[in-house]
Protein backbone atom coordinates (compact mmCIF):
# COMPACT_ATOMS: atom_id res chain seq x y z
CA MET A 1 0.44 28.41 10.91
CA GLN A 2 -1.34 26.80 7.98
CA ILE A 3 0.19 25.87 4.63
CA ASN A 4 -2.00 26.33 1.56
CA PHE A 5 -2.22 22.56 0.96
CA VAL A 6 -5.02 21.02 -1.15
CA HIS A 7 -6.35 17.68 0.11
CA HIS A 8 -7.20 14.99 -2.48
CA GLN A 9 -8.73 11.71 -1.34
CA SER A 10 -7.02 8.56 -2.63
CA ALA A 11 -7.39 4.79 -2.48
CA HIS A 12 -4.13 4.13 -0.63
CA CYS A 13 -2.21 6.17 1.91
CA GLU A 14 1.41 6.18 0.66
CA ASN A 15 0.48 6.74 -2.99
CA GLY A 16 -1.94 9.45 -1.91
CA VAL A 17 0.61 11.25 0.26
CA VAL A 18 3.17 11.29 -2.57
CA SER A 19 0.61 12.36 -5.19
CA ASN A 20 -0.71 15.14 -2.94
CA MET A 21 2.79 16.37 -2.11
CA MET A 22 3.69 16.38 -5.82
CA LYS A 23 0.54 18.36 -6.65
CA HIS A 24 1.41 20.80 -3.88
CA ASN A 25 4.75 21.36 -5.63
CA GLY A 26 3.15 21.94 -9.04
CA PHE A 27 3.32 18.45 -10.59
CA ASN A 28 0.00 16.88 -11.54
CA ILE A 29 0.96 13.26 -10.81
CA SER A 30 -1.86 10.79 -10.16
CA GLU A 31 -1.95 8.16 -7.44
CA PRO A 32 -1.72 5.26 -9.98
CA MET A 33 1.32 6.87 -11.64
CA VAL A 34 3.10 7.11 -8.26
CA PHE A 35 2.21 3.48 -7.52
CA GLY A 36 3.37 2.16 -10.91
CA ILE A 37 6.63 4.10 -11.16
CA GLY A 38 7.36 3.18 -7.53
CA SER A 39 6.81 -0.55 -8.29
CA GLY A 40 4.24 -0.77 -5.54
CA LEU A 41 2.51 -3.98 -6.67
CA LEU A 42 3.75 -7.15 -4.96
CA PHE A 43 2.69 -10.32 -3.21
CA CYS A 44 4.76 -11.60 -0.32
CA TYR A 45 4.10 -14.16 2.42
CA ILE A 46 6.16 -13.40 5.55
CA PRO A 47 5.71 -16.38 7.93
CA PHE A 48 8.18 -15.13 10.57
CA LEU A 49 6.39 -11.78 10.95
CA LYS A 50 3.16 -11.96 12.95
CA VAL A 51 0.42 -9.33 12.68
CA ASN A 52 -2.60 -9.86 14.95
CA HIS A 53 -1.20 -13.32 15.86
CA ALA A 54 -1.13 -14.57 12.26
CA PRO A 55 1.56 -14.64 9.54
CA ALA A 56 1.85 -11.41 7.58
CA ILE A 57 0.92 -11.20 3.93
CA THR A 58 1.55 -8.08 1.88
CA TYR A 59 0.13 -7.13 -1.48
CA ARG A 60 2.46 -4.16 -1.88
CA SER A 61 6.14 -3.31 -1.48
CA MET A 62 7.52 -2.43 1.94
CA PRO A 63 6.39 0.86 3.51
CA GLY A 64 8.42 3.79 2.16
CA PHE A 65 9.69 1.94 -0.93
CA ILE A 66 7.08 3.42 -3.28
CA PHE A 67 8.12 7.02 -2.56
CA LYS A 68 11.83 6.12 -2.51
CA ARG A 69 11.69 4.44 -5.93
CA PHE A 70 9.37 7.04 -7.43
CA ALA A 71 11.64 9.86 -6.28
CA LYS A 72 14.80 8.20 -7.61
CA ARG A 73 13.23 7.41 -10.99
CA VAL A 74 11.85 10.91 -11.64
CA GLY A 75 14.82 12.81 -10.17
CA ILE A 76 13.50 14.04 -6.83
CA LYS A 77 15.61 14.24 -3.68
CA ILE A 78 13.85 13.41 -0.44
CA LYS A 79 14.85 13.59 3.19
CA ARG A 80 13.82 10.95 5.71
CA GLU A 81 14.26 11.22 9.45
CA LYS A 82 13.57 8.92 12.40
CA PHE A 83 13.85 9.81 16.06
CA LYS A 84 14.40 8.22 19.44
CA ASN A 85 13.18 11.30 21.26
CA PRO A 86 9.51 12.36 20.72
CA GLN A 87 10.34 15.97 21.64
CA LYS A 88 13.03 16.14 18.94
CA ALA A 89 10.56 14.66 16.44
CA LYS A 90 8.00 17.33 17.36
CA GLU A 91 10.58 20.13 17.03
CA ARG A 92 11.69 18.95 13.57
CA LEU A 93 8.09 18.75 12.41
CA ASP A 94 7.37 22.26 13.69
CA GLU A 95 10.51 23.61 11.99
CA ASN A 96 9.31 22.30 8.64
CA LEU A 97 5.82 23.71 9.10
CA GLU A 98 7.31 27.13 9.93
CA LYS A 99 9.22 26.92 6.62
CA ASN A 100 5.92 26.33 4.79
CA ASN A 101 6.91 22.72 4.10
CA PRO A 102 4.17 20.02 4.43
CA VAL A 103 5.57 16.79 5.85
CA GLY A 104 4.71 13.12 5.27
CA LEU A 105 4.54 10.92 8.36
CA GLN A 106 4.44 7.16 8.94
CA VAL A 107 2.10 6.37 11.84
CA GLY A 108 0.29 3.58 13.64
CA VAL A 109 -3.42 3.09 12.91
CA TYR A 110 -4.59 1.77 16.29
CA ASN A 111 -4.66 5.15 18.06
CA LEU A 112 -5.81 7.32 15.13
CA VAL A 113 -8.84 8.83 16.84
CA TYR A 114 -10.51 10.00 13.62
CA PHE A 115 -10.56 6.44 12.18
CA PRO A 116 -13.78 4.43 12.66
CA GLU A 117 -13.44 1.95 15.53
CA GLU A 118 -13.58 -1.12 13.25
CA TYR A 119 -10.56 0.08 11.24
CA ARG A 120 -8.33 0.78 14.24
CA PHE A 121 -6.04 -2.19 14.69
CA HIS A 122 -2.29 -2.70 15.22
CA PHE A 123 -0.77 -1.66 11.89
CA ASN A 124 2.16 0.77 11.85
CA ALA A 125 2.64 1.57 8.17
CA HIS A 126 -0.05 4.18 7.59
CA ASN A 127 0.90 7.51 5.95
CA LEU A 128 -0.49 11.01 6.22
CA VAL A 129 0.51 14.65 5.67
CA VAL A 130 0.79 17.34 8.34
CA TYR A 131 0.21 20.73 6.69
CA GLY A 132 -0.16 23.11 9.61
CA LYS A 133 -0.57 23.75 13.32
CA GLU A 134 -2.98 25.84 15.36
CA GLU A 135 -1.88 26.19 18.99
CA ASP A 136 -1.62 22.57 20.24
CA THR A 137 -3.47 21.01 17.30
CA TYR A 138 -1.95 19.70 14.07
CA LEU A 139 -3.76 19.94 10.73
CA ILE A 140 -3.86 16.54 9.03
CA SER A 141 -4.42 15.54 5.42
CA ASP A 142 -4.96 11.78 5.53
CA PRO A 143 -5.44 10.76 1.89
CA VAL A 144 -7.79 7.87 2.66
CA MET A 145 -10.22 10.26 4.39
CA GLU A 146 -12.79 12.32 2.50
CA GLY A 147 -11.69 15.59 4.08
CA VAL A 148 -8.96 17.06 6.27
CA THR A 149 -8.87 16.43 10.00
CA THR A 150 -6.82 17.25 13.12
CA LEU A 151 -4.83 15.61 15.90
CA THR A 152 -3.65 17.13 19.16
CA ALA A 153 0.10 17.13 19.81
CA LYS A 154 -0.35 14.28 22.29
CA GLU A 155 -2.47 12.24 19.86
CA LEU A 156 0.04 12.76 17.06
CA GLU A 157 2.98 11.75 19.27
CA LYS A 158 1.16 8.55 20.24
CA VAL A 159 0.69 7.41 16.60
CA ARG A 160 4.19 8.54 15.55
CA PHE A 161 5.76 6.41 18.28
CA SER A 162 3.46 3.39 18.28
CA LYS A 163 5.10 0.06 19.11
CA GLY A 164 5.24 -3.29 17.29
CA ALA A 165 6.09 -4.46 13.75
CA PHE A 166 7.17 -1.60 11.46
CA ALA A 167 7.28 0.79 14.44
CA PRO A 168 7.51 4.25 12.80
CA LYS A 169 9.92 5.82 15.34
CA GLY A 170 8.68 9.29 14.44
CA HIS A 171 9.42 8.70 10.75
CA MET A 172 8.95 11.86 8.67
CA TYR A 173 9.79 12.58 5.03
CA TYR A 174 9.56 15.39 2.50
CA PRO A 175 11.07 16.43 -0.86
CA THR A 176 14.12 18.70 -0.69
CA GLN A 177 14.92 19.11 -4.38
CA LEU A 178 12.58 18.98 -7.38
CA PRO A 179 13.38 19.06 -11.12
CA LYS A 180 11.89 21.70 -13.43
CA GLU A 181 9.87 18.98 -15.12
CA LEU A 182 9.32 15.28 -14.63
CA VAL A 183 10.41 12.87 -17.39
CA LEU A 184 8.01 9.97 -17.00
CA ASP A 185 8.63 7.57 -19.91
CA LYS A 186 11.90 6.03 -18.66
CA ALA A 187 10.59 6.04 -15.08
CA ILE A 188 7.46 4.14 -16.17
CA ILE A 189 9.52 1.47 -17.94
CA LYS A 190 11.79 1.01 -14.91
CA GLY A 191 8.76 0.72 -12.63
CA ILE A 192 7.10 -1.91 -14.83
CA LYS A 193 10.29 -3.95 -15.24
CA GLN A 194 10.84 -4.19 -11.49
CA THR A 195 7.20 -5.14 -10.85
CA CYS A 196 7.52 -7.95 -13.41
CA ARG A 197 10.78 -9.15 -11.79
CA ASP A 198 9.17 -9.14 -8.34
CA MET A 199 5.99 -10.95 -9.38
CA LEU A 200 7.89 -13.58 -11.42
CA ALA A 201 10.66 -14.09 -8.83
CA PRO A 202 11.83 -17.71 -8.38
CA VAL A 203 11.19 -17.57 -4.63
CA PRO A 204 8.42 -19.58 -2.90
CA VAL A 205 7.14 -16.69 -0.77
CA VAL A 206 7.20 -13.86 -3.33
CA GLY A 207 5.03 -12.98 -6.31
CA VAL A 208 3.16 -15.65 -8.25
CA LYS A 209 4.99 -18.45 -6.41
CA GLY A 210 4.01 -16.83 -3.09
CA ILE A 211 0.33 -16.93 -4.08
CA LYS A 212 0.69 -20.64 -4.88
CA THR A 213 2.37 -21.23 -1.51
CA ILE A 214 -0.57 -19.65 0.31
CA ALA A 215 -2.99 -21.81 -1.71
CA LYS A 216 -1.12 -24.95 -0.53
CA LEU A 217 -1.18 -23.76 3.08
CA ILE A 218 -4.92 -23.05 3.00
CA ARG A 219 -5.50 -26.71 2.06
CA LYS A 220 -3.37 -27.86 5.05
CA TRP A 221 -4.41 -25.41 7.79
CA PRO A 222 -7.72 -27.04 8.89
CA LYS A 223 -6.06 -30.40 9.68
CA LYS A 224 -2.68 -29.07 10.75
CA LYS A 225 -3.79 -26.05 12.80
CA GLY A 226 -7.44 -26.82 13.58
CA VAL A 227 -10.49 -25.00 12.25
CA LYS A 228 -10.29 -22.11 14.74
CA VAL A 229 -6.68 -21.18 13.84
CA ALA A 230 -7.27 -21.90 10.15
CA ASN A 231 -10.19 -19.46 10.14
CA HIS A 232 -8.13 -16.85 11.99
CA TYR A 233 -5.33 -17.16 9.41
CA LEU A 234 -7.88 -16.99 6.59
CA GLY A 235 -9.36 -13.87 8.14
CA GLN A 236 -5.87 -12.40 8.24
CA ILE A 237 -5.42 -12.98 4.48
CA VAL A 238 -8.69 -11.17 3.76
CA ARG A 239 -7.97 -8.35 6.20
CA MET A 240 -4.51 -7.78 4.71
CA GLN A 241 -6.14 -7.91 1.27
CA GLU A 242 -9.21 -5.76 1.76
CA GLU A 243 -8.80 -3.57 4.84
CA ILE A 244 -5.11 -2.62 5.17
CA GLY A 245 -4.59 0.09 2.58
CA THR A 246 -6.44 -1.14 -0.48
CA GLY A 247 -5.17 -4.69 -0.48
CA GLY A 248 -4.92 -7.30 -3.20
CA GLY A 249 -7.91 -6.40 -5.32
CA GLY A 250 -7.60 -2.66 -4.89
CA PHE A 251 -3.91 -2.58 -5.70
CA ARG A 252 -4.64 -4.47 -8.92
CA TYR A 253 -7.16 -1.80 -9.89
CA ILE A 254 -4.65 0.96 -9.17
CA PHE A 255 -2.02 -0.86 -11.25
CA ALA A 256 -4.56 -1.24 -14.08
CA ALA A 257 -5.18 2.53 -13.98
CA PHE A 258 -1.40 3.08 -14.09
CA LEU A 259 -1.09 0.91 -17.21
CA GLN A 260 -3.89 2.88 -18.84
CA GLU A 261 -2.03 6.16 -18.20
CA ALA A 262 1.29 4.59 -19.21
CA SER A 263 -0.23 3.39 -22.48
CA ALA A 264 -0.98 6.98 -23.50
CA ILE A 265 2.43 8.34 -22.41
CA LEU A 266 4.42 5.55 -24.09
CA LYS A 267 2.00 5.30 -27.04
CA ASN A 268 1.79 1.55 -26.40
CA GLU A 269 -1.64 0.03 -27.15
CA LYS A 270 -0.67 -3.32 -25.62
CA LEU A 271 -0.51 -1.69 -22.18
CA LEU A 272 -4.13 -0.61 -22.58
CA GLU A 273 -5.16 -4.21 -23.32
CA LEU A 274 -3.21 -5.42 -20.29
CA SER A 275 -4.83 -2.74 -18.16
CA LYS A 276 -8.24 -4.30 -18.85
CA GLU A 277 -6.86 -7.75 -18.09
CA MET A 278 -5.47 -6.60 -14.74
CA THR A 279 -8.88 -5.14 -13.83
CA GLN A 280 -10.40 -8.59 -14.40
CA ILE A 281 -7.71 -10.15 -12.18
CA GLY A 282 -8.61 -7.60 -9.49
CA ASP A 283 -12.21 -8.82 -9.71
CA LEU A 284 -11.01 -12.39 -9.12
CA TRP A 285 -9.16 -11.27 -5.95
CA ARG A 286 -12.39 -9.67 -4.70
CA ASP A 287 -14.33 -12.89 -5.42
CA PHE A 288 -11.71 -14.85 -3.46
CA ALA A 289 -12.02 -12.48 -0.49
CA LEU A 290 -15.81 -12.81 -0.48
CA ASN A 291 -15.71 -16.62 -0.55
CA ALA A 292 -12.95 -16.79 2.08
CA SER A 293 -14.91 -14.48 4.39
CA ARG A 294 -17.94 -16.76 4.14
CA ILE A 295 -15.81 -19.66 5.39
CA TYR A 296 -14.27 -17.92 8.41
CA LYS A 297 -17.63 -16.40 9.30
CA ASN A 298 -19.19 -19.90 9.02
CA ARG A 299 -21.48 -18.87 6.18
CA SER A 300 -19.99 -21.02 3.42
CA ALA A 301 -22.41 -23.42 1.78
CA LYS A 302 -19.53 -25.63 0.56
CA ALA A 303 -18.34 -28.50 2.75
CA ASP A 304 -14.95 -28.46 1.06
CA GLY A 305 -14.64 -24.67 1.18
CA TYR A 306 -10.93 -24.51 1.95
CA ASN A 307 -9.97 -26.49 -1.16
CA ALA A 308 -12.37 -24.43 -3.26
CA ILE A 309 -10.78 -21.09 -2.32
CA ALA A 310 -7.29 -22.61 -2.66
CA ASP A 311 -8.31 -23.53 -6.21
CA GLN A 312 -9.33 -19.90 -6.75
CA LEU A 313 -5.89 -18.72 -5.62
CA ASP A 314 -4.13 -21.23 -7.86
CA SER A 315 -6.17 -19.92 -10.78
CA ILE A 316 -5.30 -16.30 -9.91
CA ALA A 317 -1.60 -17.21 -9.67
CA GLU A 318 -1.66 -18.77 -13.14
CA LYS A 319 -3.42 -15.73 -14.63
CA GLU A 320 -0.91 -13.36 -13.00
CA LYS A 321 2.00 -15.48 -14.25
CA VAL A 322 0.72 -15.18 -17.83
CA PHE A 323 -0.08 -11.49 -17.31
CA PHE A 324 3.35 -10.42 -16.03
CA LYS A 325 5.15 -12.40 -18.70
CA ALA A 326 3.04 -10.57 -21.32
CA LEU A 327 3.67 -7.23 -19.61
CA ARG A 328 7.43 -7.82 -19.52
CA LYS A 329 7.33 -8.60 -23.23
CA ALA A 330 5.17 -5.52 -24.01
CA ILE A 331 7.80 -3.06 -22.83
C-alpha cells in the first residue's frame, strides 16, 4: 500500500512534517508559517538534562509543541498516541496506512540507517512521515532528506522505541479534523505574541536571559571544569545549534522567513523590516558557532577565546532583547 504523498524537503523535521501533511490535505502552508504560528523559536538552557554527557541547550520549543500550537491556532484536531508495546504501535501504524492516512512519527536519530554516520547520535526528537508499506518495508518521507527513503519493520521499530532523554515510546500523530479553510491572521498574531513572551521571560535559563546565562558560564568553564570539559560543553552548544535540526542560526532564518510572509498577510511593513533584522541576528549566531568551534578544535588564534565568544553571546542577547521588544510593539 502506498499513499499518494508528495515529499518536500525542509530545513527542520517537525516543521517539515507538519507542512508536508498540510499540503497533502490541500493546504499550501510553508515550513516558516508552521514554525511561526507554532511559536517554535526559543532559547533554553536545561542544566539538569544531559545530552551526550553535557547540559542540554535548545533553540526551539519542546518536541511536539510546534504542531500542537499550530493545530490549535488554525482549528485542526490532531490525534497523538504513545505505546508500551511495539507490536501494538506497529498495528496502529498499519491501520492508518490502510485508511490512506500518512502518519507523523517521533523517532531516535542514532539508529536511522539512511542518515550519514556523522549525524547519527543519541537524539530522540526527530520527526518523519510514514506514507506507505511494501511487504516488510515502510516508505519514509523524512523532510530533512532530499528524497524519500525506506526502513524495514525492524529498523522502524528500533527508532520508534529508542531509549534515553525524550524517548519517543512509539509516538505517532496525525490530523483527524480539518477546517474548510485556514484563517491565518489571528493565528500569526498569537504565535508572535507567545514567542515574544518566551524570549523576554524573566527567567535566567530561558530566552534572552538564558543566552546571557550561557555567556557567563562560558567564561567560568575553563577554570571551574578544566579545558577538556569546557571544550566538550562548548562543542555541545555548537552541536545543539548547528547540527540538531537547524539550530540557533537556522531557526532565526526560518523565523525571519515567517515574518516576511506574515508581513504580507497582515499588511504590516514593520514585520518586513524586522524580518531583515532577524536574518542579521541569524548571521551573528553562525559567526559565534564558527568561532566557538575553532576553540574546541584548538584552532583559535585568540588566547582569551572563551571571553571573546562570551562577548559575542552577550551582544546577541542584547540585539535579541531589542528585537523582541520591537516585535511585540509591532503587532
